[in-house]
Every structure is written in structure tokens, then in C-alpha cells.
PDB file of N, CA and C in Angstrom:
ATOM      1  N   MET A   1      97.282 122.069 111.254  1.00  0.00           N
ATOM      2  CA  MET A   1      95.948 122.198 111.192  1.00  0.00           C
ATOM      3  C   MET A   1      95.495 120.822 111.826  1.00  0.00           C
ATOM      4  N   ASP A   2      94.337 121.074 112.472  1.00  0.00           N
ATOM      5  CA  ASP A   2      93.640 119.827 113.239  1.00  0.00           C
ATOM      6  C   ASP A   2      92.854 118.915 112.372  1.00  0.00           C
ATOM      7  N   PRO A   3      93.434 117.554 112.145  1.00  0.00           N
ATOM      8  CA  PRO A   3      92.539 116.760 111.220  1.00  0.00           C
ATOM      9  C   PRO A   3      91.233 116.284 111.718  1.00  0.00           C
ATOM     10  N   SER A   4      90.927 116.774 112.882  1.00  0.00           N
ATOM     11  CA  SER A   4      89.628 116.165 113.517  1.00  0.00           C
ATOM     12  C   SER A   4      88.458 116.837 113.181  1.00  0.00           C
ATOM     13  N   PHE A   5      88.435 117.897 112.292  1.00  0.00           N
ATOM     14  CA  PHE A   5      87.191 118.456 111.811  1.00  0.00           C
ATOM     15  C   PHE A   5      86.629 117.806 110.716  1.00  0.00           C
ATOM     16  N   VAL A   6      86.059 116.641 110.878  1.00  0.00           N
ATOM     17  CA  VAL A   6      85.434 115.854 109.938  1.00  0.00           C
ATOM     18  C   VAL A   6      83.977 116.059 109.892  1.00  0.00           C
ATOM     19  N   PRO A   7      83.275 116.096 108.706  1.00  0.00           N
ATOM     20  CA  PRO A   7      81.796 116.380 108.764  1.00  0.00           C
ATOM     21  C   PRO A   7      81.070 115.216 109.500  1.00  0.00           C
ATOM     22  N   GLY A   8      80.102 115.799 110.242  1.00  0.00           N
ATOM     23  CA  GLY A   8      79.213 115.111 111.035  1.00  0.00           C
ATOM     24  C   GLY A   8      79.563 115.114 112.573  1.00  0.00           C
ATOM     25  N   LEU A   9      80.773 115.667 113.039  1.00  0.00           N
ATOM     26  CA  LEU A   9      81.055 115.799 114.308  1.00  0.00           C
ATOM     27  C   LEU A   9      80.375 116.916 114.891  1.00  0.00           C
ATOM     28  N   ARG A  10      80.287 116.912 116.181  1.00  0.00           N
ATOM     29  CA  ARG A  10      79.573 117.982 116.976  1.00  0.00           C
ATOM     30  C   ARG A  10      80.740 118.964 117.370  1.00  0.00           C
ATOM     31  N   CYS A  11      80.388 120.223 117.341  1.00  0.00           N
ATOM     32  CA  CYS A  11      81.420 121.253 117.611  1.00  0.00           C
ATOM     33  C   CYS A  11      80.696 122.441 118.560  1.00  0.00           C
ATOM     34  N   ARG A  12      81.559 123.329 118.981  1.00  0.00           N
ATOM     35  CA  ARG A  12      80.897 124.414 119.636  1.00  0.00           C
ATOM     36  C   ARG A  12      81.738 125.664 119.376  1.00  0.00           C
ATOM     37  N   ALA A  13      81.198 126.835 119.390  1.00  0.00           N
ATOM     38  CA  ALA A  13      81.952 128.120 119.245  1.00  0.00           C
ATOM     39  C   ALA A  13      82.876 128.458 120.324  1.00  0.00           C
ATOM     40  N   THR A  14      84.239 128.913 120.126  1.00  0.00           N
ATOM     41  CA  THR A  14      85.020 129.234 121.157  1.00  0.00           C
ATOM     42  C   THR A  14      84.972 130.643 121.553  1.00  0.00           C
ATOM     43  N   ARG A  15      84.110 131.438 120.746  1.00  0.00           N
ATOM     44  CA  ARG A  15      83.929 132.873 121.219  1.00  0.00           C
ATOM     45  C   ARG A  15      82.537 133.302 120.638  1.00  0.00           C
ATOM     46  N   ALA A  16      82.055 134.490 120.961  1.00  0.00           N
ATOM     47  CA  ALA A  16      80.870 134.892 120.320  1.00  0.00           C
ATOM     48  C   ALA A  16      81.310 135.398 118.866  1.00  0.00           C
ATOM     49  N   ILE A  17      80.326 134.951 117.970  1.00  0.00           N
ATOM     50  CA  ILE A  17      80.532 135.144 116.634  1.00  0.00           C
ATOM     51  C   ILE A  17      79.578 136.099 116.056  1.00  0.00           C
ATOM     52  N   THR A  18      80.101 137.346 115.601  1.00  0.00           N
ATOM     53  CA  THR A  18      79.167 138.235 114.972  1.00  0.00           C
ATOM     54  C   THR A  18      79.004 138.001 113.468  1.00  0.00           C
ATOM     55  N   HIS A  19      77.918 137.957 112.875  1.00  0.00           N
ATOM     56  CA  HIS A  19      77.640 137.807 111.550  1.00  0.00           C
ATOM     57  C   HIS A  19      76.452 138.840 111.103  1.00  0.00           C
ATOM     58  N   ARG A  20      76.106 138.678 109.830  1.00  0.00           N
ATOM     59  CA  ARG A  20      75.268 139.715 109.265  1.00  0.00           C
ATOM     60  C   ARG A  20      73.796 139.697 109.836  1.00  0.00           C
ATOM     61  N   ARG A  21      73.553 138.473 110.352  1.00  0.00           N
ATOM     62  CA  ARG A  21      71.987 138.258 110.873  1.00  0.00           C
ATOM     63  C   ARG A  21      72.080 138.386 112.421  1.00  0.00           C
ATOM     64  N   GLY A  22      73.279 138.562 113.113  1.00  0.00           N
ATOM     65  CA  GLY A  22      73.198 138.754 114.509  1.00  0.00           C
ATOM     66  C   GLY A  22      74.438 138.080 115.120  1.00  0.00           C
ATOM     67  N   ILE A  23      74.256 137.477 116.258  1.00  0.00           N
ATOM     68  CA  ILE A  23      75.298 136.909 117.062  1.00  0.00           C
ATOM     69  C   ILE A  23      75.142 135.412 117.332  1.00  0.00           C
ATOM     70  N   VAL A  24      76.124 134.645 117.188  1.00  0.00           N
ATOM     71  CA  VAL A  24      76.149 133.145 117.668  1.00  0.00           C
ATOM     72  C   VAL A  24      76.867 133.290 119.060  1.00  0.00           C
ATOM     73  N   ASN A  25      76.276 132.851 120.033  1.00  0.00           N
ATOM     74  CA  ASN A  25      76.940 133.018 121.441  1.00  0.00           C
ATOM     75  C   ASN A  25      78.140 132.044 121.607  1.00  0.00           C
ATOM     76  N   ARG A  26      79.001 132.338 122.575  1.00  0.00           N
ATOM     77  CA  ARG A  26      80.207 131.590 122.857  1.00  0.00           C
ATOM     78  C   ARG A  26      79.525 130.204 123.419  1.00  0.00           C
ATOM     79  N   ALA A  27      80.111 129.060 123.079  1.00  0.00           N
ATOM     80  CA  ALA A  27      79.754 127.795 123.386  1.00  0.00           C
ATOM     81  C   ALA A  27      78.463 127.353 122.845  1.00  0.00           C
ATOM     82  N   ALA A  28      77.946 128.044 121.791  1.00  0.00           N
ATOM     83  CA  ALA A  28      76.888 127.461 120.962  1.00  0.00           C
ATOM     84  C   ALA A  28      77.264 126.308 120.207  1.00  0.00           C
ATOM     85  N   GLU A  29      76.468 125.238 120.201  1.00  0.00           N
ATOM     86  CA  GLU A  29      76.776 124.010 119.488  1.00  0.00           C
ATOM     87  C   GLU A  29      76.312 123.808 118.269  1.00  0.00           C
ATOM     88  N   GLY A  30      76.819 122.955 117.412  1.00  0.00           N
ATOM     89  CA  GLY A  30      76.527 122.643 116.042  1.00  0.00           C
ATOM     90  C   GLY A  30      77.052 121.548 115.568  1.00  0.00           C
ATOM     91  N   THR A  31      77.001 121.342 114.139  1.00  0.00           N
ATOM     92  CA  THR A  31      77.535 120.106 113.617  1.00  0.00           C
ATOM     93  C   THR A  31      78.409 120.547 112.331  1.00  0.00           C
ATOM     94  N   VAL A  32      79.509 119.972 112.263  1.00  0.00           N
ATOM     95  CA  VAL A  32      80.444 120.292 111.076  1.00  0.00           C
ATOM     96  C   VAL A  32      79.805 119.747 109.940  1.00  0.00           C
ATOM     97  N   ARG A  33      79.661 120.538 108.855  1.00  0.00           N
ATOM     98  CA  ARG A  33      79.066 120.115 107.577  1.00  0.00           C
ATOM     99  C   ARG A  33      80.194 119.867 106.556  1.00  0.00           C
ATOM    100  N   SER A  34      81.222 120.710 106.370  1.00  0.00           N
ATOM    101  CA  SER A  34      82.258 120.525 105.438  1.00  0.00           C
ATOM    102  C   SER A  34      83.656 121.343 105.918  1.00  0.00           C
ATOM    103  N   THR A  35      84.743 120.904 105.322  1.00  0.00           N
ATOM    104  CA  THR A  35      85.949 121.668 105.492  1.00  0.00           C
ATOM    105  C   THR A  35      86.551 121.910 104.174  1.00  0.00           C
ATOM    106  N   ARG A  36      87.291 122.977 104.034  1.00  0.00           N
ATOM    107  CA  ARG A  36      88.156 123.312 102.848  1.00  0.00           C
ATOM    108  C   ARG A  36      89.198 124.161 103.141  1.00  0.00           C
ATOM    109  N   GLU A  37      90.211 124.263 102.193  1.00  0.00           N
ATOM    110  CA  GLU A  37      91.391 125.127 102.300  1.00  0.00           C
ATOM    111  C   GLU A  37      91.230 126.203 101.451  1.00  0.00           C
ATOM    112  N   ASN A  38      91.768 127.327 101.779  1.00  0.00           N
ATOM    113  CA  ASN A  38      91.659 128.632 100.990  1.00  0.00           C
ATOM    114  C   ASN A  38      92.748 129.384 101.443  1.00  0.00           C
ATOM    115  N   ILE A  39      93.738 129.633 100.529  1.00  0.00           N
ATOM    116  CA  ILE A  39      94.867 130.500 100.704  1.00  0.00           C
ATOM    117  C   ILE A  39      95.589 130.029 102.023  1.00  0.00           C
ATOM    118  N   GLY A  40      95.793 128.795 102.086  1.00  0.00           N
ATOM    119  CA  GLY A  40      96.405 128.290 103.313  1.00  0.00           C
ATOM    120  C   GLY A  40      95.694 128.239 104.630  1.00  0.00           C
ATOM    121  N   ARG A  41      94.484 128.527 104.637  1.00  0.00           N
ATOM    122  CA  ARG A  41      93.712 128.594 105.938  1.00  0.00           C
ATOM    123  C   ARG A  41      92.612 127.454 105.691  1.00  0.00           C
ATOM    124  N   ARG A  42      92.159 126.887 106.734  1.00  0.00           N
ATOM    125  CA  ARG A  42      91.079 125.915 106.849  1.00  0.00           C
ATOM    126  C   ARG A  42      89.840 126.632 107.150  1.00  0.00           C
ATOM    127  N   LEU A  43      88.762 126.330 106.264  1.00  0.00           N
ATOM    128  CA  LEU A  43      87.509 126.983 106.479  1.00  0.00           C
ATOM    129  C   LEU A  43      86.432 125.961 106.685  1.00  0.00           C
ATOM    130  N   ILE A  44      85.681 126.004 107.778  1.00  0.00           N
ATOM    131  CA  ILE A  44      84.808 124.991 108.223  1.00  0.00           C
ATOM    132  C   ILE A  44      83.284 125.484 108.222  1.00  0.00           C
ATOM    133  N   THR A  45      82.563 124.785 107.486  1.00  0.00           N
ATOM    134  CA  THR A  45      81.027 125.162 107.518  1.00  0.00           C
ATOM    135  C   THR A  45      80.427 124.295 108.571  1.00  0.00           C
ATOM    136  N   VAL A  46      79.597 125.178 109.437  1.00  0.00           N
ATOM    137  CA  VAL A  46      78.898 124.564 110.591  1.00  0.00           C
ATOM    138  C   VAL A  46      77.425 125.010 110.571  1.00  0.00           C
ATOM    139  N   ASP A  47      76.611 124.027 110.832  1.00  0.00           N
ATOM    140  CA  ASP A  47      75.188 124.328 111.133  1.00  0.00           C
ATOM    141  C   ASP A  47      74.896 124.228 112.565  1.00  0.00           C
ATOM    142  N   PHE A  48      74.761 125.354 113.076  1.00  0.00           N
ATOM    143  CA  PHE A  48      74.515 125.745 114.497  1.00  0.00           C
ATOM    144  C   PHE A  48      73.190 125.255 114.751  1.00  0.00           C
ATOM    145  N   ASP A  49      72.895 124.802 116.140  1.00  0.00           N
ATOM    146  CA  ASP A  49      71.550 124.268 116.501  1.00  0.00           C
ATOM    147  C   ASP A  49      70.704 125.453 116.521  1.00  0.00           C
ATOM    148  N   CYS A  50      71.131 126.658 116.628  1.00  0.00           N
ATOM    149  CA  CYS A  50      70.239 127.839 116.752  1.00  0.00           C
ATOM    150  C   CYS A  50      69.722 128.167 115.283  1.00  0.00           C
ATOM    151  N   GLY A  51      70.228 127.466 114.321  1.00  0.00           N
ATOM    152  CA  GLY A  51      69.619 127.639 112.995  1.00  0.00           C
ATOM    153  C   GLY A  51      70.540 128.371 111.960  1.00  0.00           C
ATOM    154  N   GLU A  52      71.578 128.859 112.499  1.00  0.00           N
ATOM    155  CA  GLU A  52      72.610 129.505 111.515  1.00  0.00           C
ATOM    156  C   GLU A  52      73.468 128.520 110.814  1.00  0.00           C
ATOM    157  N   LYS A  53      73.888 128.790 109.717  1.00  0.00           N
ATOM    158  CA  LYS A  53      74.974 128.039 108.997  1.00  0.00           C
ATOM    159  C   LYS A  53      76.063 129.040 108.518  1.00  0.00           C
ATOM    160  N   LEU A  54      77.203 128.877 109.176  1.00  0.00           N
ATOM    161  CA  LEU A  54      78.222 129.695 109.050  1.00  0.00           C
ATOM    162  C   LEU A  54      79.627 129.132 108.587  1.00  0.00           C
ATOM    163  N   VAL A  55      80.336 129.754 107.836  1.00  0.00           N
ATOM    164  CA  VAL A  55      81.743 129.247 107.487  1.00  0.00           C
ATOM    165  C   VAL A  55      82.591 130.136 108.452  1.00  0.00           C
ATOM    166  N   LEU A  56      83.497 129.359 109.068  1.00  0.00           N
ATOM    167  CA  LEU A  56      84.283 129.826 110.297  1.00  0.00           C
ATOM    168  C   LEU A  56      85.844 129.357 109.930  1.00  0.00           C
ATOM    169  N   PHE A  57      86.689 130.065 110.658  1.00  0.00           N
ATOM    170  CA  PHE A  57      87.989 129.503 110.752  1.00  0.00           C
ATOM    171  C   PHE A  57      88.140 128.488 111.871  1.00  0.00           C
ATOM    172  N   GLU A  58      89.104 127.651 111.692  1.00  0.00           N
ATOM    173  CA  GLU A  58      89.326 126.623 112.698  1.00  0.00           C
ATOM    174  C   GLU A  58      89.507 126.997 114.183  1.00  0.00           C
ATOM    175  N   HIS A  59      90.016 128.201 114.322  1.00  0.00           N
ATOM    176  CA  HIS A  59      90.268 128.710 115.678  1.00  0.00           C
ATOM    177  C   HIS A  59      89.037 129.201 116.465  1.00  0.00           C
ATOM    178  N   GLU A  60      87.879 129.243 115.622  1.00  0.00           N
ATOM    179  CA  GLU A  60      86.674 129.755 116.081  1.00  0.00           C
ATOM    180  C   GLU A  60      85.684 128.756 116.644  1.00  0.00           C
ATOM    181  N   ILE A  61      86.126 127.444 116.429  1.00  0.00           N
ATOM    182  CA  ILE A  61      85.223 126.322 117.066  1.00  0.00           C
ATOM    183  C   ILE A  61      86.212 125.234 117.458  1.00  0.00           C
ATOM    184  N   GLU A  62      85.723 124.338 118.393  1.00  0.00           N
ATOM    185  CA  GLU A  62      86.281 123.207 118.924  1.00  0.00           C
ATOM    186  C   GLU A  62      85.315 122.084 118.944  1.00  0.00           C
ATOM    187  N   ILE A  63      85.974 120.830 118.841  1.00  0.00           N
ATOM    188  CA  ILE A  63      85.245 119.581 118.720  1.00  0.00           C
ATOM    189  C   ILE A  63      84.631 119.363 120.254  1.00  0.00           C
ATOM    190  N   VAL A  64      83.464 119.119 120.394  1.00  0.00           N
ATOM    191  CA  VAL A  64      82.837 118.666 121.643  1.00  0.00           C
ATOM    192  C   VAL A  64      83.535 117.487 122.050  1.00  0.00           C
ATOM    193  N   GLU A  65      83.957 117.359 123.365  1.00  0.00           N
ATOM    194  CA  GLU A  65      84.648 116.023 123.953  1.00  0.00           C
ATOM    195  C   GLU A  65      83.507 115.002 123.960  1.00  0.00           C
ATOM    196  N   GLY A  66      83.985 113.819 123.509  1.00  0.00           N
ATOM    197  CA  GLY A  66      83.094 112.683 123.641  1.00  0.00           C
ATOM    198  C   GLY A  66      82.001 112.674 122.596  1.00  0.00           C
ATOM    199  N   ALA A  67      82.196 113.643 121.507  1.00  0.00           N
ATOM    200  CA  ALA A  67      81.180 113.784 120.398  1.00  0.00           C
ATOM    201  C   ALA A  67      81.226 112.663 119.533  1.00  0.00           C
ATOM    202  N   ARG A  68      80.061 112.260 119.011  1.00  0.00           N
ATOM    203  CA  ARG A  68      79.935 111.251 117.809  1.00  0.00           C
ATOM    204  C   ARG A  68      79.628 111.879 116.651  1.00  0.00           C
ATOM    205  N   GLU A  69      79.842 111.028 115.547  1.00  0.00           N
ATOM    206  CA  GLU A  69      79.393 111.749 114.285  1.00  0.00           C
ATOM    207  C   GLU A  69      77.905 111.670 114.148  1.00  0.00           C
ATOM    208  N   VAL A  70      77.351 112.806 113.731  1.00  0.00           N
ATOM    209  CA  VAL A  70      75.796 112.872 113.410  1.00  0.00           C
ATOM    210  C   VAL A  70      75.723 112.636 111.860  1.00  0.00           C
ATOM    211  N   HIS A  71      74.977 111.625 111.490  1.00  0.00           N
ATOM    212  CA  HIS A  71      74.657 111.409 110.093  1.00  0.00           C
ATOM    213  C   HIS A  71      73.493 112.152 109.684  1.00  0.00           C
ATOM    214  N   PRO A  72      73.579 112.971 108.641  1.00  0.00           N
ATOM    215  CA  PRO A  72      72.325 113.750 108.179  1.00  0.00           C
ATOM    216  C   PRO A  72      71.241 112.792 107.517  1.00  0.00           C
TER     217      PRO A  72
END
């Protein structure tokens, strides 16, 4: 697992993500809010700039290169 998913870092979706309220487009950017493990998988909570807050698997997002931590 990638240890770089720390809260406050900027990230982007690696694919279009369908959720119950619609779709977050591929390459949509957001901020990592928290990470946790569940049954051997890492789950990452992301606040997307479009207003959605989603819990995703680590393969669904990537850290934005040159990103700095955003402090709430």
C-alpha cells in the first residue's frame, strides 16, 4: 500500500467514479481527508472540488504531482 495518502494532500480520480448522486469525472481533483484499513484494503475519504465527499479504494485515486498539504 502506498503510504503517501496522508490527510491534506491533493489527489485526482484515476477513472470516472459512479456513486448514488451521479458521477465524478476522471481527473477530478480533491483533497484527502482520512485513510483507514478494512479487511486488508485501504479506504480513503476524499473531498472533491465538485462538492462530493466519497470513500474510495486507493487504486481509484492518485496524488497530484507537486501537491502540497492543504490544511483545513
